[in-house]
Amino acid sequence: PGAWMHAEAIVAATQPAAIGVDWHVRPEEARKLADRMKVTIQGNLDPCHLFGDADTVRRRTTAMLRAMDGPGHVANLGHGVLPET
């Protein structure tokens, strides 16, 4: 979804210091782009995971951190906090 298929061209054209990614982007793909384009990545945790119990939130967050492992990752939600949270 979104413009992810054009992310490399957008990064090349705009030269940002960082890009935000949502949970629709596979973390491994975001990490590859960040490394190749030398940008920081932010986000990726689905905000709906915050509706889970503490163990689920911890497990999902840990999985995201492992998948995004490397320099230049700002752990964050892939979108804002939902009003119902």
N, C-alpha and C. Protein backbone atom coordinates (compact mmCIF):
# COMPACT_ATOMS: atom_id res chain seq x y z
N PRO A 1 0.83 -1.21 0.00
CA PRO A 1 0.00 0.00 0.00
C PRO A 1 0.86 1.26 0.00
N GLY A 2 0.26 2.35 -0.30
CA GLY A 2 0.95 3.62 -0.25
C GLY A 2 2.00 3.74 -1.34
N ALA A 3 3.03 4.50 -1.03
CA ALA A 3 4.08 4.80 -2.02
C ALA A 3 5.33 3.98 -1.81
N TRP A 4 5.26 2.91 -1.03
CA TRP A 4 6.47 2.16 -0.70
C TRP A 4 7.21 1.70 -1.94
N MET A 5 6.48 1.33 -3.01
CA MET A 5 7.14 0.86 -4.22
C MET A 5 8.01 1.94 -4.85
N HIS A 6 7.77 3.19 -4.47
CA HIS A 6 8.54 4.32 -5.00
C HIS A 6 9.51 4.90 -3.96
N ALA A 7 9.63 4.24 -2.83
CA ALA A 7 10.41 4.79 -1.72
C ALA A 7 11.85 5.11 -2.11
N GLU A 8 12.50 4.22 -2.83
CA GLU A 8 13.90 4.47 -3.18
C GLU A 8 14.03 5.71 -4.07
N ALA A 9 13.15 5.86 -5.03
CA ALA A 9 13.18 7.04 -5.91
C ALA A 9 12.87 8.31 -5.12
N ILE A 10 11.94 8.23 -4.19
CA ILE A 10 11.59 9.40 -3.38
C ILE A 10 12.77 9.81 -2.50
N VAL A 11 13.41 8.81 -1.87
CA VAL A 11 14.57 9.10 -1.02
C VAL A 11 15.69 9.70 -1.87
N ALA A 12 15.93 9.13 -3.04
CA ALA A 12 17.00 9.65 -3.91
C ALA A 12 16.71 11.09 -4.34
N ALA A 13 15.46 11.39 -4.61
CA ALA A 13 15.09 12.73 -5.09
C ALA A 13 15.07 13.78 -3.99
N THR A 14 14.73 13.37 -2.76
CA THR A 14 14.54 14.35 -1.68
C THR A 14 15.66 14.38 -0.66
N GLN A 15 16.48 13.32 -0.61
CA GLN A 15 17.60 13.23 0.32
C GLN A 15 17.21 13.49 1.78
N PRO A 16 16.19 12.80 2.29
CA PRO A 16 15.80 13.03 3.68
C PRO A 16 16.80 12.40 4.64
N ALA A 17 16.80 12.86 5.88
CA ALA A 17 17.63 12.24 6.91
C ALA A 17 16.95 10.98 7.44
N ALA A 18 15.62 10.95 7.35
CA ALA A 18 14.86 9.82 7.88
C ALA A 18 13.58 9.62 7.08
N ILE A 19 13.09 8.38 7.12
CA ILE A 19 11.79 8.08 6.52
C ILE A 19 10.95 7.32 7.54
N GLY A 20 9.66 7.55 7.52
CA GLY A 20 8.74 6.83 8.38
C GLY A 20 8.13 5.68 7.62
N VAL A 21 7.97 4.56 8.29
CA VAL A 21 7.34 3.39 7.68
C VAL A 21 6.24 2.88 8.58
N ASP A 22 5.16 2.40 7.94
CA ASP A 22 4.08 1.83 8.75
C ASP A 22 4.19 0.32 8.76
N TRP A 23 3.23 -0.34 9.37
CA TRP A 23 3.28 -1.79 9.56
C TRP A 23 3.01 -2.56 8.27
N HIS A 24 2.62 -1.88 7.19
CA HIS A 24 2.42 -2.56 5.91
C HIS A 24 3.76 -2.85 5.22
N VAL A 25 4.81 -2.19 5.66
CA VAL A 25 6.14 -2.39 5.08
C VAL A 25 6.86 -3.47 5.88
N ARG A 26 7.34 -4.49 5.17
CA ARG A 26 8.08 -5.54 5.86
C ARG A 26 9.34 -4.93 6.47
N PRO A 27 9.59 -5.17 7.75
CA PRO A 27 10.76 -4.57 8.41
C PRO A 27 12.07 -4.87 7.68
N GLU A 28 12.20 -6.07 7.15
CA GLU A 28 13.43 -6.43 6.44
C GLU A 28 13.63 -5.55 5.21
N GLU A 29 12.55 -5.22 4.53
CA GLU A 29 12.64 -4.35 3.36
C GLU A 29 12.99 -2.92 3.77
N ALA A 30 12.40 -2.45 4.85
CA ALA A 30 12.72 -1.11 5.34
C ALA A 30 14.19 -1.03 5.75
N ARG A 31 14.68 -2.05 6.42
CA ARG A 31 16.08 -2.08 6.85
C ARG A 31 17.01 -2.07 5.64
N LYS A 32 16.69 -2.87 4.61
CA LYS A 32 17.52 -2.90 3.40
C LYS A 32 17.58 -1.53 2.74
N LEU A 33 16.43 -0.87 2.63
CA LEU A 33 16.39 0.46 2.01
C LEU A 33 17.19 1.46 2.85
N ALA A 34 16.99 1.43 4.15
CA ALA A 34 17.70 2.35 5.03
C ALA A 34 19.21 2.18 4.90
N ASP A 35 19.66 0.94 4.87
CA ASP A 35 21.09 0.68 4.75
C ASP A 35 21.62 1.12 3.38
N ARG A 36 20.87 0.79 2.34
CA ARG A 36 21.31 1.12 0.97
C ARG A 36 21.32 2.63 0.74
N MET A 37 20.30 3.33 1.26
CA MET A 37 20.15 4.77 1.01
C MET A 37 20.75 5.63 2.13
N LYS A 38 21.23 4.97 3.18
CA LYS A 38 21.85 5.66 4.32
C LYS A 38 20.91 6.69 4.95
N VAL A 39 19.71 6.21 5.30
CA VAL A 39 18.73 7.04 6.00
C VAL A 39 18.30 6.32 7.27
N THR A 40 17.81 7.09 8.20
CA THR A 40 17.22 6.54 9.42
C THR A 40 15.79 6.15 9.10
N ILE A 41 15.32 5.08 9.74
CA ILE A 41 13.93 4.69 9.59
C ILE A 41 13.23 4.84 10.93
N GLN A 42 11.96 5.19 10.85
CA GLN A 42 11.17 5.38 12.06
C GLN A 42 9.87 4.61 11.91
N GLY A 43 9.51 3.95 12.99
CA GLY A 43 8.19 3.35 13.05
C GLY A 43 8.15 1.86 12.88
N ASN A 44 7.01 1.42 12.43
CA ASN A 44 6.67 0.11 11.96
C ASN A 44 5.78 -0.69 12.89
N LEU A 45 5.63 -0.36 14.14
CA LEU A 45 4.75 -1.16 14.99
C LEU A 45 3.29 -0.78 14.73
N ASP A 46 2.48 -1.78 14.44
CA ASP A 46 1.06 -1.57 14.20
C ASP A 46 0.42 -1.03 15.49
N PRO A 47 -0.22 0.14 15.45
CA PRO A 47 -0.81 0.69 16.66
C PRO A 47 -1.91 -0.19 17.24
N CYS A 48 -2.49 -1.08 16.46
CA CYS A 48 -3.51 -1.99 16.98
C CYS A 48 -2.92 -2.99 17.97
N HIS A 49 -1.61 -3.23 17.89
CA HIS A 49 -0.98 -4.13 18.86
C HIS A 49 -1.09 -3.61 20.28
N LEU A 50 -1.26 -2.31 20.44
CA LEU A 50 -1.38 -1.73 21.78
C LEU A 50 -2.67 -2.15 22.48
N PHE A 51 -3.60 -2.75 21.74
CA PHE A 51 -4.83 -3.25 22.35
C PHE A 51 -4.62 -4.62 22.98
N GLY A 52 -3.47 -5.23 22.73
CA GLY A 52 -3.18 -6.55 23.28
C GLY A 52 -2.75 -6.47 24.73
N ASP A 53 -2.60 -7.64 25.33
CA ASP A 53 -2.11 -7.67 26.71
C ASP A 53 -0.61 -7.34 26.72
N ALA A 54 -0.07 -7.16 27.89
CA ALA A 54 1.33 -6.73 28.02
C ALA A 54 2.29 -7.69 27.33
N ASP A 55 2.04 -9.01 27.44
CA ASP A 55 2.93 -9.98 26.79
C ASP A 55 2.89 -9.85 25.28
N THR A 56 1.71 -9.61 24.72
CA THR A 56 1.59 -9.44 23.27
C THR A 56 2.32 -8.19 22.81
N VAL A 57 2.12 -7.09 23.52
CA VAL A 57 2.81 -5.84 23.17
C VAL A 57 4.32 -6.03 23.23
N ARG A 58 4.79 -6.68 24.27
CA ARG A 58 6.22 -6.93 24.44
C ARG A 58 6.75 -7.81 23.31
N ARG A 59 6.03 -8.88 22.98
CA ARG A 59 6.46 -9.80 21.94
C ARG A 59 6.50 -9.11 20.57
N ARG A 60 5.46 -8.36 20.24
CA ARG A 60 5.40 -7.66 18.94
C ARG A 60 6.48 -6.58 18.84
N THR A 61 6.70 -5.87 19.94
CA THR A 61 7.72 -4.82 19.94
C THR A 61 9.10 -5.43 19.80
N THR A 62 9.36 -6.50 20.51
CA THR A 62 10.65 -7.18 20.41
C THR A 62 10.89 -7.69 19.00
N ALA A 63 9.86 -8.25 18.37
CA ALA A 63 9.99 -8.74 17.00
C ALA A 63 10.32 -7.59 16.05
N MET A 64 9.66 -6.44 16.23
CA MET A 64 9.95 -5.29 15.38
C MET A 64 11.39 -4.84 15.58
N LEU A 65 11.83 -4.73 16.81
CA LEU A 65 13.19 -4.28 17.09
C LEU A 65 14.23 -5.22 16.48
N ARG A 66 13.99 -6.50 16.58
CA ARG A 66 14.93 -7.47 15.99
C ARG A 66 14.96 -7.35 14.47
N ALA A 67 13.79 -7.20 13.86
CA ALA A 67 13.72 -7.11 12.41
C ALA A 67 14.34 -5.81 11.89
N MET A 68 14.26 -4.74 12.67
CA MET A 68 14.80 -3.45 12.26
C MET A 68 16.22 -3.24 12.76
N ASP A 69 16.81 -4.27 13.35
CA ASP A 69 18.12 -4.15 13.97
C ASP A 69 19.14 -3.52 13.02
N GLY A 70 19.84 -2.56 13.55
CA GLY A 70 20.86 -1.88 12.78
C GLY A 70 20.88 -0.41 13.16
N PRO A 71 21.81 0.32 12.60
CA PRO A 71 21.91 1.74 12.95
C PRO A 71 20.76 2.54 12.35
N GLY A 72 20.39 3.57 13.06
CA GLY A 72 19.40 4.49 12.51
C GLY A 72 17.98 3.97 12.50
N HIS A 73 17.50 3.48 13.65
CA HIS A 73 16.10 3.09 13.75
C HIS A 73 15.50 3.78 14.96
N VAL A 74 14.43 4.53 14.73
CA VAL A 74 13.66 5.15 15.80
C VAL A 74 12.45 4.25 16.01
N ALA A 75 12.44 3.51 17.11
CA ALA A 75 11.31 2.62 17.39
C ALA A 75 10.09 3.47 17.68
N ASN A 76 9.02 3.18 16.95
CA ASN A 76 7.83 4.00 17.04
C ASN A 76 6.67 3.22 16.45
N LEU A 77 5.49 3.77 16.60
CA LEU A 77 4.34 3.19 15.94
C LEU A 77 4.43 3.49 14.45
N GLY A 78 3.82 2.65 13.65
CA GLY A 78 3.77 2.89 12.21
C GLY A 78 2.74 3.91 11.84
N HIS A 79 2.02 4.44 12.82
CA HIS A 79 1.02 5.50 12.65
C HIS A 79 0.77 6.02 14.05
N GLY A 80 0.00 7.05 14.18
CA GLY A 80 -0.26 7.62 15.51
C GLY A 80 -1.04 6.68 16.42
N VAL A 81 -1.13 7.06 17.67
CA VAL A 81 -1.90 6.30 18.65
C VAL A 81 -3.38 6.47 18.30
N LEU A 82 -4.08 5.35 18.23
CA LEU A 82 -5.51 5.40 17.90
C LEU A 82 -6.28 5.97 19.09
N PRO A 83 -7.35 6.71 18.83
CA PRO A 83 -8.11 7.35 19.91
C PRO A 83 -8.62 6.37 20.95
N GLU A 84 -8.93 5.14 20.55
CA GLU A 84 -9.49 4.15 21.47
C GLU A 84 -8.44 3.55 22.40
N THR A 85 -7.16 3.80 22.14
CA THR A 85 -6.10 3.17 22.93
C THR A 85 -6.11 3.68 24.35
